[in-house]
N, C-alpha and C. Protein backbone atom coordinates (compact mmCIF):
# COMPACT_ATOMS: atom_id res chain seq x y z
N MET A 1 18.48 71.20 5.35
CA MET A 1 18.77 71.52 6.73
C MET A 1 17.65 70.98 7.61
N ALA A 2 18.02 70.36 8.71
CA ALA A 2 17.04 69.79 9.63
C ALA A 2 16.31 70.89 10.38
N LYS A 3 15.03 70.68 10.58
CA LYS A 3 14.22 71.64 11.33
C LYS A 3 14.50 71.52 12.82
N GLY A 4 14.07 72.53 13.56
CA GLY A 4 14.18 72.52 15.01
C GLY A 4 12.79 72.56 15.61
N TYR A 5 12.64 71.98 16.78
CA TYR A 5 11.33 71.91 17.42
C TYR A 5 11.44 72.24 18.90
N TRP A 6 10.44 72.95 19.38
CA TRP A 6 10.23 73.10 20.82
C TRP A 6 9.17 72.08 21.19
N VAL A 7 9.44 71.31 22.22
CA VAL A 7 8.46 70.36 22.72
C VAL A 7 8.26 70.66 24.21
N SER A 8 7.05 70.99 24.58
CA SER A 8 6.72 71.29 25.98
C SER A 8 5.61 70.36 26.44
N VAL A 9 5.82 69.75 27.59
CA VAL A 9 4.82 68.89 28.19
C VAL A 9 4.62 69.39 29.62
N TYR A 10 3.37 69.57 29.98
CA TYR A 10 3.02 70.06 31.31
C TYR A 10 2.37 68.91 32.09
N PRO A 11 3.14 68.17 32.88
CA PRO A 11 2.57 67.04 33.62
C PRO A 11 1.47 67.42 34.60
N ALA A 12 1.55 68.64 35.12
CA ALA A 12 0.53 69.05 36.09
C ALA A 12 0.23 70.53 35.93
N ILE A 13 -1.04 70.84 35.74
CA ILE A 13 -1.48 72.23 35.67
C ILE A 13 -2.67 72.36 36.61
N SER A 14 -2.45 73.10 37.70
CA SER A 14 -3.53 73.23 38.67
C SER A 14 -4.53 74.32 38.28
N ASP A 15 -4.05 75.35 37.57
CA ASP A 15 -4.92 76.46 37.21
C ASP A 15 -4.54 76.97 35.81
N PRO A 16 -5.11 76.39 34.74
CA PRO A 16 -4.74 76.76 33.38
C PRO A 16 -4.94 78.24 33.06
N GLU A 17 -5.88 78.89 33.74
CA GLU A 17 -6.14 80.31 33.47
C GLU A 17 -4.93 81.18 33.82
N ARG A 18 -4.08 80.72 34.71
CA ARG A 18 -2.91 81.49 35.09
C ARG A 18 -1.85 81.51 33.99
N LEU A 19 -2.02 80.70 32.96
CA LEU A 19 -1.05 80.68 31.85
C LEU A 19 -1.34 81.75 30.80
N THR A 20 -2.39 82.50 30.93
CA THR A 20 -2.81 83.44 29.90
C THR A 20 -1.74 84.45 29.54
N ALA A 21 -1.12 85.09 30.51
CA ALA A 21 -0.08 86.11 30.22
C ALA A 21 1.12 85.46 29.52
N TYR A 22 1.54 84.30 30.03
CA TYR A 22 2.65 83.59 29.39
C TYR A 22 2.30 83.22 27.95
N ASP A 23 1.12 82.66 27.74
CA ASP A 23 0.71 82.24 26.40
C ASP A 23 0.77 83.38 25.40
N LYS A 24 0.29 84.55 25.81
CA LYS A 24 0.28 85.70 24.91
C LYS A 24 1.70 86.13 24.56
N LEU A 25 2.56 86.29 25.56
CA LEU A 25 3.94 86.72 25.32
C LEU A 25 4.73 85.66 24.56
N ALA A 26 4.55 84.40 24.92
CA ALA A 26 5.26 83.32 24.25
C ALA A 26 4.84 83.21 22.79
N GLY A 27 3.55 83.38 22.52
CA GLY A 27 3.06 83.33 21.14
C GLY A 27 3.69 84.40 20.28
N LEU A 28 3.79 85.61 20.82
CA LEU A 28 4.44 86.70 20.07
C LEU A 28 5.91 86.41 19.84
N ALA A 29 6.59 85.87 20.85
CA ALA A 29 8.02 85.55 20.72
C ALA A 29 8.25 84.44 19.70
N VAL A 30 7.40 83.43 19.71
CA VAL A 30 7.51 82.33 18.75
C VAL A 30 7.31 82.84 17.34
N GLN A 31 6.28 83.65 17.15
CA GLN A 31 6.00 84.21 15.82
C GLN A 31 7.17 85.08 15.35
N ALA A 32 7.70 85.92 16.23
CA ALA A 32 8.83 86.79 15.86
C ALA A 32 10.07 85.96 15.53
N GLY A 33 10.20 84.80 16.17
CA GLY A 33 11.35 83.93 15.93
C GLY A 33 11.17 83.00 14.75
N GLY A 34 10.04 83.10 14.06
CA GLY A 34 9.80 82.27 12.88
C GLY A 34 9.20 80.91 13.18
N GLY A 35 8.70 80.71 14.39
CA GLY A 35 8.13 79.42 14.76
C GLY A 35 6.68 79.28 14.33
N ARG A 36 6.26 78.01 14.19
CA ARG A 36 4.88 77.68 13.83
C ARG A 36 4.36 76.65 14.82
N VAL A 37 3.26 76.96 15.44
CA VAL A 37 2.65 76.01 16.38
C VAL A 37 2.01 74.88 15.57
N LEU A 38 2.49 73.67 15.80
CA LEU A 38 1.95 72.51 15.10
C LEU A 38 0.87 71.81 15.92
N SER A 39 1.03 71.88 17.24
CA SER A 39 0.08 71.18 18.10
C SER A 39 0.01 71.87 19.45
N LEU A 40 -1.20 72.05 19.94
CA LEU A 40 -1.43 72.58 21.27
C LEU A 40 -2.59 71.79 21.84
N ILE A 41 -2.28 70.76 22.59
CA ILE A 41 -3.28 69.82 23.08
C ILE A 41 -3.40 69.97 24.59
N PRO A 42 -4.52 69.94 25.19
CA PRO A 42 -5.84 69.86 24.62
C PRO A 42 -6.50 71.21 24.42
N SER A 43 -5.78 72.29 24.61
CA SER A 43 -6.38 73.63 24.60
C SER A 43 -7.19 73.96 23.36
N ARG A 44 -6.81 73.47 22.22
CA ARG A 44 -7.53 73.81 20.99
C ARG A 44 -8.40 72.67 20.49
N GLY A 45 -8.79 71.83 21.41
CA GLY A 45 -9.72 70.77 21.05
C GLY A 45 -9.08 69.58 20.39
N GLY A 46 -7.75 69.53 20.36
CA GLY A 46 -7.08 68.40 19.74
C GLY A 46 -7.27 67.12 20.55
N ARG A 47 -7.16 66.02 19.88
CA ARG A 47 -7.34 64.73 20.54
C ARG A 47 -5.99 64.15 20.91
N VAL A 48 -5.98 63.37 21.96
CA VAL A 48 -4.75 62.72 22.40
C VAL A 48 -5.09 61.34 22.96
N VAL A 49 -4.25 60.39 22.65
CA VAL A 49 -4.34 59.07 23.24
C VAL A 49 -2.98 58.82 23.88
N ALA A 50 -2.97 58.65 25.18
CA ALA A 50 -1.72 58.45 25.91
C ALA A 50 -1.46 56.96 26.11
N HIS A 51 -0.24 56.55 25.87
CA HIS A 51 0.17 55.16 26.07
C HIS A 51 1.32 55.12 27.06
N GLU A 52 1.45 54.01 27.72
CA GLU A 52 2.53 53.75 28.66
C GLU A 52 2.59 54.87 29.71
N ALA A 53 3.67 55.62 29.78
CA ALA A 53 3.79 56.68 30.80
C ALA A 53 3.32 58.03 30.26
N GLY A 54 2.61 58.01 29.13
CA GLY A 54 2.15 59.24 28.52
C GLY A 54 1.12 59.97 29.36
N ILE A 55 1.00 61.26 29.12
CA ILE A 55 0.04 62.07 29.86
C ILE A 55 -0.92 62.71 28.87
N THR A 56 -2.07 63.12 29.36
CA THR A 56 -3.05 63.77 28.49
C THR A 56 -3.14 65.27 28.75
N GLN A 57 -2.30 65.78 29.64
CA GLN A 57 -2.30 67.21 29.90
C GLN A 57 -1.71 67.96 28.71
N ARG A 58 -1.54 69.25 28.87
CA ARG A 58 -1.08 70.15 27.82
C ARG A 58 0.25 69.69 27.20
N VAL A 59 0.26 69.61 25.87
CA VAL A 59 1.45 69.30 25.09
C VAL A 59 1.52 70.33 23.97
N VAL A 60 2.68 70.96 23.80
CA VAL A 60 2.86 71.98 22.78
C VAL A 60 4.03 71.57 21.88
N LEU A 61 3.83 71.62 20.57
CA LEU A 61 4.87 71.32 19.59
C LEU A 61 4.97 72.49 18.63
N ILE A 62 6.17 73.08 18.56
CA ILE A 62 6.41 74.25 17.71
C ILE A 62 7.58 73.94 16.78
N GLU A 63 7.40 74.25 15.50
CA GLU A 63 8.41 73.96 14.48
C GLU A 63 9.11 75.24 14.04
N PHE A 64 10.43 75.15 13.86
CA PHE A 64 11.25 76.23 13.31
C PHE A 64 11.99 75.69 12.09
N ASP A 65 12.44 76.57 11.23
CA ASP A 65 13.11 76.14 10.01
C ASP A 65 14.45 75.45 10.27
N SER A 66 15.06 75.71 11.44
CA SER A 66 16.31 75.06 11.79
C SER A 66 16.44 74.94 13.31
N PHE A 67 17.32 74.07 13.74
CA PHE A 67 17.60 73.91 15.16
C PHE A 67 18.14 75.22 15.73
N GLU A 68 19.04 75.85 14.99
CA GLU A 68 19.64 77.11 15.44
C GLU A 68 18.59 78.19 15.63
N GLN A 69 17.62 78.23 14.74
CA GLN A 69 16.53 79.21 14.85
C GLN A 69 15.69 78.92 16.11
N ALA A 70 15.47 77.66 16.41
CA ALA A 70 14.72 77.29 17.61
C ALA A 70 15.45 77.73 18.88
N VAL A 71 16.76 77.51 18.91
CA VAL A 71 17.57 77.92 20.07
C VAL A 71 17.57 79.44 20.19
N ALA A 72 17.75 80.13 19.08
CA ALA A 72 17.78 81.59 19.10
C ALA A 72 16.45 82.17 19.58
N ALA A 73 15.34 81.57 19.18
CA ALA A 73 14.03 82.05 19.62
C ALA A 73 13.88 81.88 21.12
N TYR A 74 14.37 80.76 21.65
CA TYR A 74 14.30 80.54 23.09
C TYR A 74 15.14 81.57 23.84
N GLU A 75 16.31 81.87 23.31
CA GLU A 75 17.23 82.80 23.96
C GLU A 75 16.88 84.26 23.71
N SER A 76 15.89 84.52 22.88
CA SER A 76 15.52 85.90 22.54
C SER A 76 15.00 86.65 23.75
N GLU A 77 15.15 87.96 23.69
CA GLU A 77 14.65 88.82 24.76
C GLU A 77 13.13 88.65 24.92
N ALA A 78 12.44 88.53 23.80
CA ALA A 78 10.98 88.40 23.85
C ALA A 78 10.56 87.14 24.59
N TYR A 79 11.22 86.00 24.33
CA TYR A 79 10.82 84.77 25.00
C TYR A 79 11.26 84.78 26.46
N GLN A 80 12.39 85.40 26.75
CA GLN A 80 12.82 85.49 28.14
C GLN A 80 11.81 86.28 28.97
N LYS A 81 11.19 87.29 28.37
CA LYS A 81 10.12 88.04 29.05
C LYS A 81 8.91 87.13 29.28
N ALA A 82 8.62 86.28 28.32
CA ALA A 82 7.50 85.34 28.48
C ALA A 82 7.77 84.38 29.64
N LEU A 83 9.00 83.92 29.77
CA LEU A 83 9.33 83.00 30.85
C LEU A 83 9.09 83.62 32.22
N VAL A 84 9.34 84.92 32.33
CA VAL A 84 9.10 85.61 33.60
C VAL A 84 7.61 85.56 33.95
N ALA A 85 6.76 85.54 32.93
CA ALA A 85 5.31 85.50 33.14
C ALA A 85 4.79 84.10 33.44
N LEU A 86 5.63 83.08 33.28
CA LEU A 86 5.20 81.71 33.57
C LEU A 86 4.98 81.61 35.08
N PRO A 87 3.77 81.28 35.51
CA PRO A 87 3.46 81.29 36.94
C PRO A 87 4.27 80.26 37.73
N ASP A 88 4.48 80.57 39.00
CA ASP A 88 5.11 79.62 39.90
C ASP A 88 4.21 78.41 40.07
N GLY A 89 4.82 77.28 40.35
CA GLY A 89 4.04 76.09 40.64
C GLY A 89 3.67 75.25 39.44
N PHE A 90 4.10 75.66 38.26
CA PHE A 90 3.81 74.87 37.06
C PHE A 90 4.97 73.93 36.80
N GLU A 91 4.66 72.70 36.55
CA GLU A 91 5.68 71.71 36.21
C GLU A 91 5.69 71.57 34.69
N ARG A 92 6.89 71.69 34.10
CA ARG A 92 6.97 71.66 32.64
C ARG A 92 8.25 70.95 32.21
N ASP A 93 8.14 70.12 31.20
CA ASP A 93 9.29 69.49 30.57
C ASP A 93 9.43 70.16 29.21
N PHE A 94 10.48 70.96 29.03
CA PHE A 94 10.68 71.74 27.80
C PHE A 94 11.98 71.28 27.16
N ARG A 95 11.91 70.99 25.87
CA ARG A 95 13.10 70.55 25.13
C ARG A 95 13.15 71.24 23.77
N ILE A 96 14.36 71.47 23.31
CA ILE A 96 14.59 71.91 21.93
C ILE A 96 15.30 70.75 21.26
N ILE A 97 14.68 70.26 20.18
CA ILE A 97 15.26 69.09 19.52
C ILE A 97 15.48 69.37 18.03
N GLU A 98 16.43 68.66 17.47
CA GLU A 98 16.70 68.78 16.03
C GLU A 98 15.96 67.67 15.31
N GLY A 99 15.27 68.05 14.25
CA GLY A 99 14.54 67.07 13.45
C GLY A 99 15.48 66.23 12.61
N ILE A 100 14.94 65.20 12.05
CA ILE A 100 15.71 64.34 11.15
C ILE A 100 15.57 64.90 9.76
N ASP A 101 16.67 65.18 9.13
CA ASP A 101 16.66 65.79 7.79
C ASP A 101 16.32 64.78 6.74
């Protein structure tokens, strides 16, 4: 079965400290939904090289055992509460994608 992934890219973050409440709630929701954070750049000191139209701001990659599990985690009550905590004014490109089996 193909895995599912959450991919979030934040093209612009004016005040990263305002993400603290969202990060805490989202982390709990991801863990409860069976997700594993594979990459959180640059917050955890990870390196990034951007090419073409790439950006070096925050990029988050989370893996789930299946696409359906990834969708269910997003739709969960816990993650919906996290979304409410996402501050206004943040630009984010969020996708749920199916991996190649």
